[in-house]
Amino acid sequence: MPPRTNPRSDEKLTNTSMDIGLAFMVALIVAAVLGISANQLLQGYGGVLEWLGSQNFKAMLFYPMLVFILFDLLLMAFAITVLYKYFNLYMTPVILPPKAPEIHVVSQQSEVASNWERIRELANSANPSDWNMAILRADAILDDILQHKGYQGEGMADRLKILDPATMPSLDRVWSAHRLRNAIAHDPVTEHTKEIIINALRAYQDALREMGVMP
């Protein structure tokens, strides 16, 4: 009695054989396609190398190289220009315009006080000629103040004539001091007593206070 076979097993074996055969055929087809592709790639790569080494490619490279060279030259020129401007800006000494002289305005009170201090030193000197110089300077100070106050005239006497005694209560004493000044100017050798010099200087001092230029 022959052995019994399983129909399902036979069917399964048949299907497996077909799958193996189909897979083998697909593998052959893939291998053929890959072979052709690899051959084409190798041929293409060789053609690229051959084209790169041709004389025509070198000629094509000439123009881009020329463009890059011109661009480099422009960059160099720009860099040199920037460095030149930097050098002129930071290395060239800056010449400042001459500074205007400062003008110090001295008030009449300060000027009179400074000059009167010198007159006091001359009056306290032991030399009679210094006393005469003190009178001359005191008269000149008062005359200068009168001119600044707007009193007109060719000399001190003309300015004293137009003065109002209400403005200068010591006017009569100033007249006496001015006459002493004229005597000293015409005869500087003549000596005057210390008392006469002091009285004349006090008259000038009071007049300057009345004019508002001496405290």
N, C-alpha and C. Protein backbone atom coordinates (compact mmCIF):
# COMPACT_ATOMS: atom_id res chain seq x y z
N MET A 1 0.86 -1.18 0.00
CA MET A 1 0.00 0.00 0.00
C MET A 1 0.90 1.23 0.00
N PRO A 2 0.78 2.07 -1.07
CA PRO A 2 1.65 3.24 -1.21
C PRO A 2 1.33 4.24 -0.11
N PRO A 3 2.42 5.06 0.26
CA PRO A 3 2.20 6.04 1.35
C PRO A 3 1.32 7.17 0.87
N ARG A 4 0.55 7.63 1.82
CA ARG A 4 -0.36 8.73 1.52
C ARG A 4 0.38 10.07 1.62
N THR A 5 0.12 10.98 0.66
CA THR A 5 0.76 12.30 0.66
C THR A 5 -0.24 13.36 1.08
N ASN A 6 0.33 14.49 1.59
CA ASN A 6 -0.51 15.59 2.04
C ASN A 6 -0.62 16.61 0.90
N PRO A 7 -1.78 16.81 0.37
CA PRO A 7 -1.93 17.75 -0.76
C PRO A 7 -1.45 19.16 -0.39
N ARG A 8 -1.69 19.54 0.84
CA ARG A 8 -1.29 20.91 1.25
C ARG A 8 0.23 21.05 1.26
N SER A 9 0.95 20.02 1.63
CA SER A 9 2.41 20.07 1.63
C SER A 9 2.93 20.18 0.23
N ASP A 10 2.37 19.44 -0.69
CA ASP A 10 2.80 19.54 -2.08
C ASP A 10 2.56 20.94 -2.65
N GLU A 11 1.42 21.49 -2.31
CA GLU A 11 1.10 22.83 -2.81
C GLU A 11 2.07 23.85 -2.25
N LYS A 12 2.42 23.67 -0.96
CA LYS A 12 3.35 24.62 -0.33
C LYS A 12 4.73 24.52 -0.94
N LEU A 13 5.19 23.34 -1.25
CA LEU A 13 6.49 23.13 -1.86
C LEU A 13 6.53 23.76 -3.24
N THR A 14 5.44 23.60 -3.98
CA THR A 14 5.38 24.17 -5.32
C THR A 14 5.47 25.70 -5.27
N ASN A 15 4.73 26.30 -4.32
CA ASN A 15 4.76 27.78 -4.18
C ASN A 15 6.14 28.27 -3.80
N THR A 16 6.83 27.56 -2.92
CA THR A 16 8.18 27.95 -2.50
C THR A 16 9.14 27.89 -3.66
N SER A 17 9.05 26.85 -4.49
CA SER A 17 9.92 26.73 -5.66
C SER A 17 9.70 27.88 -6.63
N MET A 18 8.45 28.28 -6.79
CA MET A 18 8.15 29.38 -7.68
C MET A 18 8.72 30.70 -7.13
N ASP A 19 8.60 30.88 -5.82
CA ASP A 19 9.14 32.12 -5.21
C ASP A 19 10.64 32.19 -5.39
N ILE A 20 11.33 31.06 -5.20
CA ILE A 20 12.78 31.05 -5.35
C ILE A 20 13.17 31.37 -6.78
N GLY A 21 12.47 30.79 -7.73
CA GLY A 21 12.77 31.05 -9.13
C GLY A 21 12.53 32.51 -9.49
N LEU A 22 11.41 33.09 -8.96
CA LEU A 22 11.12 34.48 -9.26
C LEU A 22 12.17 35.40 -8.66
N ALA A 23 12.61 35.10 -7.45
CA ALA A 23 13.64 35.91 -6.80
C ALA A 23 14.95 35.84 -7.55
N PHE A 24 15.28 34.66 -8.07
CA PHE A 24 16.52 34.53 -8.82
C PHE A 24 16.47 35.35 -10.10
N MET A 25 15.34 35.36 -10.76
CA MET A 25 15.19 36.13 -11.98
C MET A 25 15.29 37.63 -11.69
N VAL A 26 14.65 38.06 -10.61
CA VAL A 26 14.72 39.48 -10.23
C VAL A 26 16.17 39.88 -9.94
N ALA A 27 16.90 38.99 -9.27
CA ALA A 27 18.30 39.26 -8.95
C ALA A 27 19.12 39.40 -10.21
N LEU A 28 18.86 38.54 -11.21
CA LEU A 28 19.58 38.64 -12.46
C LEU A 28 19.29 39.98 -13.16
N ILE A 29 18.00 40.36 -13.12
CA ILE A 29 17.63 41.61 -13.78
C ILE A 29 18.29 42.81 -13.08
N VAL A 30 18.28 42.81 -11.75
CA VAL A 30 18.89 43.91 -10.98
C VAL A 30 20.39 43.99 -11.24
N ALA A 31 21.03 42.81 -11.28
CA ALA A 31 22.47 42.78 -11.53
C ALA A 31 22.78 43.32 -12.91
N ALA A 32 21.94 42.98 -13.89
CA ALA A 32 22.16 43.48 -15.24
C ALA A 32 22.00 45.01 -15.28
N VAL A 33 20.94 45.48 -14.60
CA VAL A 33 20.70 46.94 -14.60
C VAL A 33 21.85 47.67 -13.90
N LEU A 34 22.29 47.13 -12.76
CA LEU A 34 23.40 47.77 -12.04
C LEU A 34 24.68 47.75 -12.85
N GLY A 35 24.88 46.67 -13.57
CA GLY A 35 26.07 46.58 -14.41
C GLY A 35 26.07 47.65 -15.48
N ILE A 36 24.90 47.80 -16.10
CA ILE A 36 24.80 48.82 -17.15
C ILE A 36 25.00 50.22 -16.56
N SER A 37 24.36 50.46 -15.37
CA SER A 37 24.49 51.79 -14.74
C SER A 37 25.92 52.08 -14.34
N ALA A 38 26.59 51.10 -13.78
CA ALA A 38 27.98 51.31 -13.38
C ALA A 38 28.85 51.58 -14.58
N ASN A 39 28.58 50.88 -15.64
CA ASN A 39 29.36 51.10 -16.86
C ASN A 39 29.14 52.51 -17.39
N GLN A 40 27.89 52.96 -17.35
CA GLN A 40 27.59 54.31 -17.81
C GLN A 40 28.23 55.37 -16.90
N LEU A 41 28.20 55.10 -15.60
CA LEU A 41 28.82 56.05 -14.67
C LEU A 41 30.31 56.16 -14.91
N LEU A 42 30.95 55.01 -15.12
CA LEU A 42 32.39 55.01 -15.36
C LEU A 42 32.71 55.74 -16.65
N GLN A 43 31.89 55.46 -17.66
CA GLN A 43 32.12 56.14 -18.93
C GLN A 43 31.91 57.66 -18.79
N GLY A 44 30.85 58.06 -18.04
CA GLY A 44 30.60 59.49 -17.82
C GLY A 44 31.72 60.17 -17.04
N TYR A 45 32.22 59.51 -16.00
CA TYR A 45 33.32 60.05 -15.20
C TYR A 45 34.58 60.23 -16.07
N GLY A 46 34.81 59.21 -16.90
CA GLY A 46 35.97 59.31 -17.79
C GLY A 46 35.82 60.46 -18.77
N GLY A 47 34.59 60.66 -19.28
CA GLY A 47 34.36 61.77 -20.18
C GLY A 47 34.56 63.13 -19.51
N VAL A 48 34.13 63.22 -18.24
CA VAL A 48 34.32 64.47 -17.51
C VAL A 48 35.80 64.77 -17.33
N LEU A 49 36.58 63.73 -16.96
CA LEU A 49 38.02 63.92 -16.81
C LEU A 49 38.67 64.32 -18.12
N GLU A 50 38.22 63.68 -19.16
CA GLU A 50 38.79 64.01 -20.47
C GLU A 50 38.43 65.43 -20.88
N TRP A 51 37.21 65.88 -20.53
CA TRP A 51 36.78 67.25 -20.87
C TRP A 51 37.54 68.29 -20.05
N LEU A 52 37.74 67.94 -18.77
CA LEU A 52 38.49 68.85 -17.92
C LEU A 52 39.92 69.04 -18.39
N GLY A 53 40.49 68.01 -18.93
CA GLY A 53 41.87 68.10 -19.40
C GLY A 53 42.00 68.65 -20.80
N SER A 54 40.90 68.95 -21.42
CA SER A 54 40.97 69.44 -22.79
C SER A 54 41.40 70.91 -22.83
N GLN A 55 41.84 71.37 -23.96
CA GLN A 55 42.29 72.75 -24.14
C GLN A 55 41.13 73.74 -24.06
N ASN A 56 39.97 73.30 -24.46
CA ASN A 56 38.80 74.17 -24.43
C ASN A 56 38.44 74.58 -23.01
N PHE A 57 38.57 73.66 -22.06
CA PHE A 57 38.25 73.98 -20.67
C PHE A 57 39.23 75.01 -20.11
N LYS A 58 40.49 74.88 -20.49
CA LYS A 58 41.46 75.87 -20.04
C LYS A 58 41.12 77.25 -20.58
N ALA A 59 40.65 77.28 -21.81
CA ALA A 59 40.25 78.57 -22.38
C ALA A 59 39.04 79.15 -21.66
N MET A 60 38.14 78.25 -21.23
CA MET A 60 36.97 78.71 -20.50
C MET A 60 37.36 79.25 -19.12
N LEU A 61 38.39 78.69 -18.51
CA LEU A 61 38.84 79.17 -17.21
C LEU A 61 39.51 80.53 -17.28
N PHE A 62 39.96 80.96 -18.42
CA PHE A 62 40.70 82.22 -18.55
C PHE A 62 39.84 83.42 -18.14
N TYR A 63 38.60 83.45 -18.56
CA TYR A 63 37.73 84.59 -18.27
C TYR A 63 37.34 84.68 -16.79
N PRO A 64 36.93 83.58 -16.15
CA PRO A 64 36.68 83.68 -14.69
C PRO A 64 37.93 84.08 -13.92
N MET A 65 39.09 83.55 -14.32
CA MET A 65 40.33 83.92 -13.63
C MET A 65 40.61 85.41 -13.81
N LEU A 66 40.33 85.92 -15.00
CA LEU A 66 40.54 87.35 -15.25
C LEU A 66 39.61 88.19 -14.37
N VAL A 67 38.37 87.74 -14.21
CA VAL A 67 37.41 88.46 -13.37
C VAL A 67 37.88 88.48 -11.92
N PHE A 68 38.34 87.32 -11.43
CA PHE A 68 38.82 87.26 -10.04
C PHE A 68 40.06 88.13 -9.84
N ILE A 69 40.93 88.18 -10.83
CA ILE A 69 42.13 89.03 -10.70
C ILE A 69 41.74 90.49 -10.62
N LEU A 70 40.79 90.93 -11.47
CA LEU A 70 40.33 92.32 -11.42
C LEU A 70 39.66 92.63 -10.08
N PHE A 71 38.89 91.66 -9.58
CA PHE A 71 38.24 91.86 -8.29
C PHE A 71 39.27 92.01 -7.17
N ASP A 72 40.32 91.20 -7.20
CA ASP A 72 41.40 91.30 -6.20
C ASP A 72 42.09 92.65 -6.28
N LEU A 73 42.30 93.14 -7.50
CA LEU A 73 42.93 94.45 -7.65
C LEU A 73 42.06 95.57 -7.07
N LEU A 74 40.75 95.46 -7.28
CA LEU A 74 39.85 96.45 -6.72
C LEU A 74 39.87 96.42 -5.19
N LEU A 75 39.91 95.21 -4.63
CA LEU A 75 39.98 95.10 -3.17
C LEU A 75 41.27 95.71 -2.64
N MET A 76 42.38 95.47 -3.33
CA MET A 76 43.66 96.04 -2.91
C MET A 76 43.62 97.56 -2.97
N ALA A 77 43.03 98.10 -4.04
CA ALA A 77 42.93 99.55 -4.17
C ALA A 77 42.07 100.14 -3.06
N PHE A 78 40.97 99.47 -2.74
CA PHE A 78 40.11 99.93 -1.66
C PHE A 78 40.83 99.91 -0.32
N ALA A 79 41.59 98.83 -0.06
CA ALA A 79 42.33 98.73 1.19
C ALA A 79 43.38 99.83 1.29
N ILE A 80 44.09 100.11 0.18
CA ILE A 80 45.11 101.17 0.20
C ILE A 80 44.47 102.53 0.44
N THR A 81 43.30 102.77 -0.15
CA THR A 81 42.61 104.05 0.05
C THR A 81 42.19 104.23 1.50
N VAL A 82 41.66 103.16 2.10
CA VAL A 82 41.25 103.23 3.50
C VAL A 82 42.43 103.50 4.41
N LEU A 83 43.55 102.80 4.16
CA LEU A 83 44.75 103.01 4.97
C LEU A 83 45.28 104.44 4.81
N TYR A 84 45.23 104.97 3.60
CA TYR A 84 45.71 106.33 3.36
C TYR A 84 44.87 107.35 4.12
N LYS A 85 43.54 107.19 4.08
CA LYS A 85 42.67 108.10 4.80
C LYS A 85 42.89 107.98 6.30
N TYR A 86 43.07 106.76 6.78
CA TYR A 86 43.33 106.56 8.21
C TYR A 86 44.61 107.26 8.63
N PHE A 87 45.64 107.14 7.79
CA PHE A 87 46.92 107.77 8.11
C PHE A 87 46.77 109.29 8.17
N ASN A 88 46.07 109.86 7.20
CA ASN A 88 45.89 111.31 7.18
C ASN A 88 45.05 111.79 8.35
N LEU A 89 44.08 110.96 8.77
CA LEU A 89 43.16 111.38 9.82
C LEU A 89 43.79 111.31 11.19
N TYR A 90 44.54 110.26 11.46
CA TYR A 90 45.05 110.03 12.81
C TYR A 90 46.53 110.36 12.98
N MET A 91 47.28 110.47 11.88
CA MET A 91 48.71 110.72 12.00
C MET A 91 49.07 112.17 11.70
N THR A 92 48.23 112.87 10.93
CA THR A 92 48.51 114.27 10.62
C THR A 92 48.19 115.13 11.83
N PRO A 93 49.11 115.96 12.30
CA PRO A 93 48.82 116.79 13.48
C PRO A 93 47.72 117.80 13.19
N VAL A 94 46.86 117.97 14.17
CA VAL A 94 45.75 118.90 14.04
C VAL A 94 46.23 120.30 14.43
N ILE A 95 46.10 121.24 13.50
CA ILE A 95 46.52 122.62 13.74
C ILE A 95 45.31 123.41 14.19
N LEU A 96 45.30 123.77 15.44
CA LEU A 96 44.18 124.53 15.98
C LEU A 96 44.35 126.01 15.67
N PRO A 97 43.25 126.70 15.48
CA PRO A 97 43.36 128.15 15.24
C PRO A 97 43.91 128.84 16.46
N PRO A 98 44.62 129.93 16.25
CA PRO A 98 45.19 130.64 17.41
C PRO A 98 44.11 131.09 18.38
N LYS A 99 44.41 130.88 19.63
CA LYS A 99 43.44 131.23 20.66
C LYS A 99 43.40 132.74 20.84
N ALA A 100 42.19 133.24 20.87
CA ALA A 100 42.02 134.68 21.04
C ALA A 100 42.50 135.08 22.43
N PRO A 101 43.22 136.18 22.50
CA PRO A 101 43.71 136.62 23.83
C PRO A 101 42.55 136.96 24.75
N GLU A 102 42.70 136.55 25.98
CA GLU A 102 41.67 136.83 26.96
C GLU A 102 41.76 138.29 27.42
N ILE A 103 40.62 138.91 27.47
CA ILE A 103 40.56 140.31 27.88
C ILE A 103 40.01 140.36 29.31
N HIS A 104 40.83 140.81 30.20
CA HIS A 104 40.42 140.95 31.59
C HIS A 104 40.01 142.40 31.85
N VAL A 105 38.75 142.57 32.14
CA VAL A 105 38.23 143.91 32.41
C VAL A 105 38.40 144.21 33.89
N VAL A 106 39.13 145.28 34.16
CA VAL A 106 39.37 145.70 35.54
C VAL A 106 38.44 146.87 35.85
N SER A 107 37.73 146.79 36.92
CA SER A 107 36.81 147.86 37.30
C SER A 107 37.59 149.11 37.70
N GLN A 108 36.92 150.25 37.60
CA GLN A 108 37.55 151.51 37.99
C GLN A 108 37.94 151.48 39.47
N GLN A 109 37.09 150.89 40.30
CA GLN A 109 37.38 150.83 41.73
C GLN A 109 38.67 150.07 41.99
N SER A 110 38.85 148.92 41.30
CA SER A 110 40.06 148.12 41.50
C SER A 110 41.29 148.85 41.00
N GLU A 111 41.15 149.51 39.84
CA GLU A 111 42.28 150.25 39.27
C GLU A 111 42.68 151.42 40.15
N VAL A 112 41.68 152.16 40.63
CA VAL A 112 41.97 153.30 41.48
C VAL A 112 42.60 152.85 42.80
N ALA A 113 42.08 151.77 43.36
CA ALA A 113 42.63 151.28 44.63
C ALA A 113 44.08 150.84 44.47
N SER A 114 44.39 150.17 43.32
CA SER A 114 45.76 149.74 43.08
C SER A 114 46.70 150.94 42.91
N ASN A 115 46.27 151.94 42.14
CA ASN A 115 47.10 153.14 41.92
C ASN A 115 47.25 153.96 43.20
N TRP A 116 46.19 154.00 44.00
CA TRP A 116 46.27 154.80 45.22
C TRP A 116 47.21 154.15 46.25
N GLU A 117 47.32 152.86 46.20
CA GLU A 117 48.26 152.19 47.10
C GLU A 117 49.69 152.63 46.78
N ARG A 118 49.99 152.78 45.50
CA ARG A 118 51.32 153.26 45.11
C ARG A 118 51.52 154.72 45.55
N ILE A 119 50.46 155.53 45.44
CA ILE A 119 50.54 156.92 45.88
C ILE A 119 50.80 156.98 47.39
N ARG A 120 50.18 156.09 48.14
CA ARG A 120 50.39 156.05 49.59
C ARG A 120 51.85 155.73 49.92
N GLU A 121 52.43 154.80 49.14
CA GLU A 121 53.84 154.45 49.36
C GLU A 121 54.75 155.65 49.09
N LEU A 122 54.45 156.41 48.01
CA LEU A 122 55.26 157.59 47.71
C LEU A 122 55.11 158.66 48.79
N ALA A 123 53.89 158.82 49.31
CA ALA A 123 53.66 159.83 50.35
C ALA A 123 54.36 159.48 51.65
N ASN A 124 54.55 158.21 51.92
CA ASN A 124 55.21 157.77 53.15
C ASN A 124 56.72 157.68 52.99
N SER A 125 57.22 158.05 51.81
CA SER A 125 58.66 158.00 51.58
C SER A 125 59.36 159.15 52.32
N ALA A 126 60.63 158.98 52.56
CA ALA A 126 61.42 160.04 53.21
C ALA A 126 61.96 161.03 52.19
N ASN A 127 61.74 160.78 50.91
CA ASN A 127 62.26 161.63 49.85
C ASN A 127 61.18 162.63 49.41
N PRO A 128 61.40 163.95 49.53
CA PRO A 128 60.39 164.95 49.12
C PRO A 128 60.01 164.85 47.65
N SER A 129 60.92 164.38 46.79
CA SER A 129 60.57 164.24 45.37
C SER A 129 59.49 163.17 45.18
N ASP A 130 59.47 162.16 46.04
CA ASP A 130 58.40 161.16 45.98
C ASP A 130 57.07 161.76 46.39
N TRP A 131 57.09 162.74 47.31
CA TRP A 131 55.85 163.40 47.69
C TRP A 131 55.25 164.16 46.49
N ASN A 132 56.15 164.85 45.77
CA ASN A 132 55.68 165.57 44.57
C ASN A 132 55.09 164.60 43.54
N MET A 133 55.75 163.45 43.39
CA MET A 133 55.24 162.45 42.44
C MET A 133 53.87 161.93 42.88
N ALA A 134 53.65 161.81 44.17
CA ALA A 134 52.35 161.36 44.67
C ALA A 134 51.25 162.35 44.29
N ILE A 135 51.54 163.67 44.39
CA ILE A 135 50.55 164.68 44.00
C ILE A 135 50.25 164.60 42.51
N LEU A 136 51.28 164.48 41.69
CA LEU A 136 51.09 164.40 40.23
C LEU A 136 50.23 163.18 39.87
N ARG A 137 50.48 162.07 40.52
CA ARG A 137 49.71 160.86 40.20
C ARG A 137 48.27 160.97 40.68
N ALA A 138 48.06 161.52 41.84
CA ALA A 138 46.70 161.67 42.35
C ALA A 138 45.88 162.59 41.46
N ASP A 139 46.48 163.69 40.99
CA ASP A 139 45.77 164.61 40.08
C ASP A 139 45.44 163.91 38.77
N ALA A 140 46.37 163.10 38.26
CA ALA A 140 46.12 162.39 36.99
C ALA A 140 44.99 161.38 37.14
N ILE A 141 44.91 160.72 38.29
CA ILE A 141 43.84 159.75 38.50
C ILE A 141 42.49 160.45 38.51
N LEU A 142 42.36 161.53 39.23
CA LEU A 142 41.08 162.25 39.28
C LEU A 142 40.71 162.79 37.91
N ASP A 143 41.68 163.33 37.17
CA ASP A 143 41.41 163.85 35.84
C ASP A 143 40.90 162.73 34.92
N ASP A 144 41.49 161.55 35.01
CA ASP A 144 41.05 160.42 34.19
C ASP A 144 39.62 160.02 34.54
N ILE A 145 39.28 160.02 35.81
CA ILE A 145 37.92 159.66 36.23
C ILE A 145 36.91 160.68 35.71
N LEU A 146 37.26 161.96 35.78
CA LEU A 146 36.34 162.99 35.28
C LEU A 146 36.08 162.82 33.79
N GLN A 147 37.12 162.48 33.04
CA GLN A 147 36.93 162.26 31.60
C GLN A 147 36.02 161.06 31.35
N HIS A 148 36.21 159.99 32.11
CA HIS A 148 35.34 158.82 31.95
C HIS A 148 33.89 159.14 32.36
N LYS A 149 33.71 160.07 33.23
CA LYS A 149 32.36 160.45 33.65
C LYS A 149 31.70 161.37 32.64
N GLY A 150 32.44 161.82 31.62
CA GLY A 150 31.86 162.63 30.57
C GLY A 150 32.09 164.12 30.69
N TYR A 151 32.94 164.54 31.60
CA TYR A 151 33.23 165.97 31.73
C TYR A 151 34.22 166.38 30.65
N GLN A 152 33.84 167.41 29.86
CA GLN A 152 34.64 167.84 28.72
C GLN A 152 35.55 169.01 29.12
N GLY A 153 36.59 169.22 28.29
CA GLY A 153 37.51 170.32 28.53
C GLY A 153 38.91 169.96 28.05
N GLU A 154 39.71 170.98 27.83
CA GLU A 154 41.07 170.73 27.36
C GLU A 154 41.99 170.24 28.47
N GLY A 155 41.68 170.57 29.69
CA GLY A 155 42.53 170.15 30.80
C GLY A 155 41.72 169.97 32.05
N MET A 156 42.42 169.65 33.13
CA MET A 156 41.76 169.40 34.42
C MET A 156 41.01 170.63 34.91
N ALA A 157 41.58 171.82 34.70
CA ALA A 157 40.93 173.05 35.16
C ALA A 157 39.58 173.25 34.47
N ASP A 158 39.50 172.99 33.17
CA ASP A 158 38.24 173.14 32.44
C ASP A 158 37.19 172.16 32.96
N ARG A 159 37.59 171.00 33.32
CA ARG A 159 36.64 170.01 33.83
C ARG A 159 36.18 170.36 35.25
N LEU A 160 37.08 170.92 36.04
CA LEU A 160 36.68 171.33 37.39
C LEU A 160 35.70 172.51 37.35
N LYS A 161 35.80 173.37 36.34
CA LYS A 161 34.93 174.54 36.23
C LYS A 161 33.47 174.15 36.01
N ILE A 162 33.24 173.02 35.32
CA ILE A 162 31.86 172.64 35.02
C ILE A 162 31.30 171.67 36.07
N LEU A 163 32.09 171.38 37.08
CA LEU A 163 31.62 170.50 38.14
C LEU A 163 30.67 171.24 39.08
N ASP A 164 29.62 170.56 39.49
CA ASP A 164 28.68 171.13 40.45
C ASP A 164 29.18 170.81 41.86
N PRO A 165 29.30 171.81 42.72
CA PRO A 165 29.74 171.54 44.10
C PRO A 165 28.87 170.52 44.83
N ALA A 166 27.59 170.40 44.39
CA ALA A 166 26.74 169.38 45.02
C ALA A 166 27.20 167.97 44.65
N THR A 167 27.79 167.83 43.45
CA THR A 167 28.31 166.54 43.03
C THR A 167 29.64 166.24 43.72
N MET A 168 30.44 167.30 43.94
CA MET A 168 31.75 167.12 44.58
C MET A 168 31.88 168.18 45.68
N PRO A 169 31.48 167.86 46.89
CA PRO A 169 31.57 168.83 47.99
C PRO A 169 32.99 169.29 48.28
N SER A 170 33.97 168.48 47.95
CA SER A 170 35.37 168.83 48.21
C SER A 170 35.99 169.62 47.06
N LEU A 171 35.14 170.25 46.23
CA LEU A 171 35.63 170.90 45.01
C LEU A 171 36.65 172.01 45.33
N ASP A 172 36.38 172.84 46.34
CA ASP A 172 37.31 173.92 46.66
C ASP A 172 38.67 173.36 47.09
N ARG A 173 38.69 172.36 47.87
CA ARG A 173 39.95 171.75 48.30
C ARG A 173 40.68 171.11 47.12
N VAL A 174 39.89 170.55 46.18
CA VAL A 174 40.51 169.95 44.99
C VAL A 174 41.16 171.04 44.15
N TRP A 175 40.53 172.24 44.08
CA TRP A 175 41.15 173.35 43.35
C TRP A 175 42.51 173.69 43.97
N SER A 176 42.58 173.73 45.25
CA SER A 176 43.85 174.03 45.92
C SER A 176 44.88 172.94 45.63
N ALA A 177 44.44 171.67 45.67
CA ALA A 177 45.36 170.57 45.38
C ALA A 177 45.83 170.62 43.93
N HIS A 178 44.92 171.03 43.02
CA HIS A 178 45.31 171.10 41.60
C HIS A 178 46.31 172.24 41.37
N ARG A 179 46.14 173.35 42.08
CA ARG A 179 47.11 174.43 41.95
C ARG A 179 48.49 173.98 42.47
N LEU A 180 48.49 173.19 43.54
CA LEU A 180 49.75 172.63 44.03
C LEU A 180 50.38 171.72 42.97
N ARG A 181 49.53 170.99 42.32
CA ARG A 181 50.03 170.09 41.24
C ARG A 181 50.70 170.90 40.15
N ASN A 182 50.06 172.01 39.71
CA ASN A 182 50.63 172.84 38.66
C ASN A 182 51.97 173.43 39.10
N ALA A 183 52.06 173.83 40.36
CA ALA A 183 53.32 174.38 40.86
C ALA A 183 54.43 173.33 40.83
N ILE A 184 54.10 172.12 41.20
CA ILE A 184 55.09 171.02 41.16
C ILE A 184 55.49 170.72 39.72
N ALA A 185 54.50 170.73 38.79
CA ALA A 185 54.79 170.44 37.38
C ALA A 185 55.72 171.48 36.78
N HIS A 186 55.55 172.76 37.16
CA HIS A 186 56.40 173.82 36.61
C HIS A 186 57.75 173.92 37.33
N ASP A 187 57.77 173.52 38.60
CA ASP A 187 59.01 173.61 39.36
C ASP A 187 59.13 172.35 40.25
N PRO A 188 59.55 171.22 39.65
CA PRO A 188 59.60 169.97 40.42
C PRO A 188 60.69 169.94 41.49
N VAL A 189 61.63 170.93 41.45
CA VAL A 189 62.73 170.94 42.41
C VAL A 189 62.29 171.51 43.76
N THR A 190 61.32 172.42 43.73
CA THR A 190 60.87 173.05 44.97
C THR A 190 60.24 172.01 45.89
N GLU A 191 60.64 172.05 47.15
CA GLU A 191 60.11 171.12 48.14
C GLU A 191 58.94 171.76 48.89
N HIS A 192 57.94 170.91 49.19
CA HIS A 192 56.76 171.35 49.93
C HIS A 192 56.68 170.54 51.22
N THR A 193 56.07 171.14 52.20
CA THR A 193 56.01 170.46 53.49
C THR A 193 55.14 169.22 53.41
N LYS A 194 55.42 168.32 54.34
CA LYS A 194 54.66 167.07 54.36
C LYS A 194 53.19 167.34 54.66
N GLU A 195 52.89 168.36 55.46
CA GLU A 195 51.51 168.68 55.80
C GLU A 195 50.74 169.15 54.57
N ILE A 196 51.37 169.99 53.75
CA ILE A 196 50.70 170.45 52.53
C ILE A 196 50.43 169.27 51.58
N ILE A 197 51.38 168.38 51.46
CA ILE A 197 51.22 167.20 50.59
C ILE A 197 50.08 166.33 51.10
N ILE A 198 50.04 166.07 52.40
CA ILE A 198 49.00 165.20 52.95
C ILE A 198 47.62 165.82 52.78
N ASN A 199 47.48 167.14 53.00
CA ASN A 199 46.17 167.80 52.83
C ASN A 199 45.69 167.73 51.38
N ALA A 200 46.62 167.88 50.45
CA ALA A 200 46.25 167.80 49.03
C ALA A 200 45.82 166.37 48.67
N LEU A 201 46.55 165.39 49.17
CA LEU A 201 46.19 164.00 48.88
C LEU A 201 44.84 163.63 49.49
N ARG A 202 44.53 164.18 50.65
CA ARG A 202 43.22 163.91 51.26
C ARG A 202 42.10 164.54 50.42
N ALA A 203 42.38 165.69 49.84
CA ALA A 203 41.37 166.33 48.98
C ALA A 203 41.09 165.46 47.75
N TYR A 204 42.15 164.95 47.14
CA TYR A 204 41.98 164.04 45.98
C TYR A 204 41.25 162.76 46.40
N GLN A 205 41.58 162.25 47.57
CA GLN A 205 40.94 161.02 48.03
C GLN A 205 39.45 161.23 48.28
N ASP A 206 39.10 162.35 48.91
CA ASP A 206 37.67 162.64 49.13
C ASP A 206 36.94 162.83 47.82
N ALA A 207 37.57 163.47 46.84
CA ALA A 207 36.94 163.68 45.53
C ALA A 207 36.67 162.35 44.83
N LEU A 208 37.63 161.45 44.93
CA LEU A 208 37.45 160.13 44.30
C LEU A 208 36.32 159.34 44.98
N ARG A 209 36.18 159.50 46.29
CA ARG A 209 35.09 158.84 46.99
C ARG A 209 33.74 159.44 46.57
N GLU A 210 33.70 160.76 46.42
CA GLU A 210 32.48 161.42 46.00
C GLU A 210 32.09 161.08 44.57
N MET A 211 33.08 160.70 43.76
CA MET A 211 32.79 160.26 42.39
C MET A 211 32.42 158.78 42.35
N GLY A 212 32.51 158.09 43.47
CA GLY A 212 32.06 156.69 43.55
C GLY A 212 33.07 155.67 43.05
N VAL A 213 34.37 156.05 43.00
CA VAL A 213 35.36 155.09 42.51
C VAL A 213 36.35 154.65 43.60
N MET A 214 36.09 155.11 44.83
CA MET A 214 36.96 154.69 45.93
C MET A 214 36.07 154.44 47.16
N PRO A 215 36.26 153.31 47.81
CA PRO A 215 35.42 153.01 48.98
C PRO A 215 35.70 153.97 50.13
